Protein backbone atom coordinates (compact mmCIF):
# COMPACT_ATOMS: atom_id res chain seq x y z
CA MET A 1 -76.99 -10.53 -68.31
CA VAL A 2 -80.12 -12.22 -69.66
CA LEU A 3 -83.37 -10.39 -70.25
CA LEU A 4 -86.75 -12.03 -70.56
CA ARG A 5 -89.49 -10.52 -72.66
CA GLU A 6 -92.74 -11.73 -74.12
CA ASN A 7 -92.75 -12.20 -77.88
CA THR A 8 -96.27 -11.34 -78.91
CA LYS A 9 -95.82 -12.49 -82.50
CA TYR A 10 -94.98 -16.14 -81.60
CA LYS A 11 -96.57 -16.23 -78.13
CA ASP A 12 -93.47 -17.83 -76.62
CA LYS A 13 -90.75 -16.51 -74.36
CA LEU A 14 -87.57 -15.43 -76.05
CA ARG A 15 -84.48 -14.49 -74.15
CA MET A 16 -81.93 -12.03 -75.27
CA ASP A 17 -78.36 -11.62 -74.16
CA LYS A 18 -76.79 -8.19 -73.63
CA ARG A 19 -75.95 -7.91 -77.35
CA GLY A 20 -79.61 -8.44 -78.25
CA ALA A 21 -79.09 -11.92 -79.76
CA LYS A 22 -82.16 -14.12 -79.40
CA LYS A 23 -81.79 -17.30 -77.37
CA LYS A 24 -84.26 -20.07 -76.74
CA GLU A 25 -84.60 -22.35 -73.76
CA CYS A 26 -84.10 -26.11 -74.09
CA LYS A 27 -87.36 -27.94 -73.32
CA GLU A 28 -85.52 -30.71 -71.47
CA CYS A 29 -82.86 -29.03 -69.35
CA GLY A 30 -83.65 -25.33 -69.47
CA TYR A 31 -80.33 -24.39 -71.10
CA LEU A 32 -80.48 -20.95 -72.64
CA GLY A 33 -78.86 -20.82 -76.06
CA LYS A 34 -78.86 -22.54 -79.42
CA VAL A 35 -81.46 -25.30 -79.76
CA ASN A 36 -82.57 -27.52 -82.65
CA GLU A 37 -85.97 -27.49 -84.36
CA ASP A 38 -87.37 -29.64 -81.53
CA GLU A 39 -86.18 -26.96 -79.08
CA ILE A 40 -83.58 -29.28 -77.55
CA CYS A 41 -79.95 -28.25 -76.93
CA ILE A 42 -77.04 -30.25 -78.31
CA ASN A 43 -76.25 -31.78 -74.89
CA CYS A 44 -79.77 -33.17 -74.49
CA GLU A 45 -79.73 -34.32 -78.11
CA GLU A 46 -76.47 -36.22 -77.48
CA GLU A 47 -77.91 -37.72 -74.28
CA ASP A 48 -80.97 -38.92 -76.20
CA LYS A 49 -78.71 -40.54 -78.81
CA ARG A 50 -76.64 -42.17 -76.07
CA LYS A 51 -79.76 -43.58 -74.44
CA MET A 52 -80.89 -45.03 -77.76
CA ASP A 53 -77.38 -46.43 -78.25
CA LEU A 54 -77.54 -48.31 -74.90
CA ASN A 55 -79.30 -51.23 -76.62
CA LYS A 56 -76.37 -51.84 -78.94
CA CYS A 57 -73.74 -54.42 -78.04
CA LYS A 58 -70.53 -52.58 -77.26
CA GLN A 59 -68.44 -55.33 -78.90
CA CYS A 60 -70.15 -55.91 -82.26
CA ARG A 61 -72.27 -52.69 -82.33
CA ARG A 62 -75.40 -54.67 -83.34
CA LYS A 63 -78.63 -54.15 -81.43
CA VAL A 64 -79.27 -56.55 -78.53
CA GLN A 65 -82.84 -57.67 -79.14
CA GLY A 66 -85.32 -59.52 -76.97
CA ASP A 67 -84.61 -62.96 -78.46
CA ASP A 68 -80.82 -62.50 -78.24
CA GLU A 69 -78.85 -63.79 -75.29
CA GLY A 70 -77.95 -60.35 -74.02
CA ILE A 71 -76.45 -59.25 -70.72
CA GLN A 72 -76.20 -55.85 -69.08
CA CYS A 73 -73.14 -54.75 -67.12
CA ASP A 74 -74.05 -53.99 -63.51
CA LYS A 75 -71.56 -51.09 -63.39
CA CYS A 76 -71.88 -49.14 -66.64
CA GLY A 77 -75.35 -50.36 -67.65
CA LEU A 78 -74.31 -51.15 -71.23
CA TRP A 79 -75.58 -54.22 -73.07
CA TYR A 80 -73.58 -57.01 -74.69
CA HIS A 81 -74.37 -60.21 -76.54
CA ALA A 82 -73.33 -63.12 -74.33
CA VAL A 83 -71.34 -64.63 -77.21
CA CYS A 84 -69.46 -61.33 -77.74
CA GLU A 85 -68.35 -61.42 -74.10
CA ASN A 86 -67.41 -65.13 -74.27
CA ILE A 87 -70.12 -66.09 -71.79
CA GLY A 88 -70.93 -69.77 -72.14
CA GLU A 89 -74.49 -71.05 -72.21
CA ALA A 90 -74.24 -72.59 -68.72
CA LEU A 91 -72.96 -69.36 -67.14
CA TYR A 92 -75.58 -67.33 -69.01
CA LYS A 93 -78.36 -69.56 -67.64
CA ASP A 94 -76.89 -69.31 -64.10
CA LEU A 95 -76.82 -65.52 -64.38
CA GLN A 96 -80.45 -65.54 -65.55
CA LYS A 97 -81.53 -67.64 -62.55
CA ASP A 98 -79.71 -65.67 -59.83
CA ASN A 99 -80.91 -62.06 -59.71
CA ASP A 100 -78.42 -61.24 -56.93
CA GLU A 101 -75.46 -62.29 -59.08
CA LEU A 102 -73.56 -59.35 -60.52
CA TRP A 103 -71.88 -59.31 -63.92
CA PHE A 104 -69.32 -56.78 -65.17
CA CYS A 105 -68.11 -56.24 -68.72
CA ARG A 106 -64.45 -56.38 -69.73
CA ARG A 107 -64.12 -52.60 -69.54
CA CYS A 108 -65.52 -52.38 -66.00
CA LYS A 109 -63.94 -55.49 -64.44
CA PRO A 110 -60.53 -53.88 -63.72
CA THR A 111 -62.17 -50.91 -61.99
CA VAL A 112 -64.53 -53.13 -60.02
CA LYS A 113 -61.68 -55.43 -59.00
CA LYS A 114 -59.58 -52.44 -57.90
CA ASN A 115 -62.54 -51.05 -55.92
CA LEU A 116 -63.17 -54.42 -54.25
CA LEU A 117 -59.52 -54.69 -53.22
CA GLU A 118 -59.58 -51.14 -51.85
CA ASN A 119 -62.82 -51.95 -50.01
CA LYS A 120 -61.23 -55.06 -48.49
CA LYS A 121 -58.23 -53.00 -47.34
CA LEU A 122 -60.53 -50.36 -45.85
CA LYS A 123 -62.45 -53.03 -43.94
CA GLU A 124 -59.21 -54.47 -42.59
CA ASP A 125 -58.04 -50.97 -41.60
CA ASN A 126 -61.40 -50.37 -39.91
CA VAL A 127 -61.11 -53.56 -37.84
CA ARG A 128 -57.53 -52.68 -36.86
CA MET A 129 -58.55 -49.14 -35.87
CA LYS A 130 -61.46 -50.45 -33.78
CA GLU A 131 -59.05 -52.75 -31.93
CA GLU A 132 -56.61 -49.87 -31.36
CA LEU A 133 -59.45 -47.66 -30.16
CA GLN A 134 -60.49 -50.30 -27.66
CA GLU A 135 -56.91 -50.48 -26.36
CA VAL A 136 -56.79 -46.68 -25.99
CA LYS A 137 -60.11 -46.74 -24.11
CA GLU A 138 -58.74 -49.36 -21.71
CA GLU A 139 -55.55 -47.34 -21.18
CA LEU A 140 -57.64 -44.24 -20.52
CA GLN A 141 -59.63 -46.12 -17.89
CA GLU A 142 -56.35 -47.08 -16.20
CA VAL A 143 -55.20 -43.44 -16.28
CA LYS A 144 -58.52 -42.33 -14.78
CA LYS A 145 -58.17 -44.89 -12.00
CA GLY A 146 -54.60 -43.73 -11.34
CA ASN A 147 -55.73 -40.11 -11.38
CA GLU A 148 -58.55 -40.85 -8.92
CA GLN A 149 -56.08 -42.63 -6.62
CA ALA A 150 -53.63 -39.71 -6.84
CA CYS A 151 -56.41 -37.22 -6.07
CA GLU A 152 -57.48 -39.33 -3.09
CA ALA A 153 -53.87 -39.40 -1.80
CA VAL A 154 -53.57 -35.61 -2.16
CA ARG A 155 -56.87 -35.14 -0.32
CA ARG A 156 -55.66 -37.38 2.57
CA PHE A 157 -52.34 -35.54 2.65
CA GLU A 158 -54.14 -32.20 2.88
CA GLU A 159 -56.29 -33.58 5.72
CA LEU A 160 -53.15 -34.66 7.60
CA ILE A 161 -51.62 -31.22 7.17
CA GLU A 162 -54.78 -29.57 8.51
CA GLU A 163 -54.76 -31.91 11.55
CA LYS A 164 -51.14 -30.99 12.31
CA ASN A 165 -51.90 -27.26 12.20
């Protein structure tokens, strides 16, 4: 159970757990617990470090700067120096020209390849199922026609019986 009370000495809200231990709220995520001097919890602090670390090449760990030939993976969003990923100058220039072209780092390529193969299989399965569905629809139409003909025959038979009586 968490209680909220106004701390008149510091003019900020302190929270206390049921044992009376003081807890503060993280300014970024609202987590209630231990925070640093900037009033940020350890999770938000780690996230901030990770965001700052995004500019470092994941191969050589040096910062990818504006004048470097750097490339960002379209899956994980991490940056690499083109030379660290063995991207030749011609390919790098082609990737710069074509904004629709996707590039994936060595760590993401296997996952992306697996996903593309699964996607291809799903598309093939979808086409096959659509074809099977169409066949079932056609068979159902035939059954309906046969059912209508059988109902018509029963109706005529009943009319004949009524005429005989």
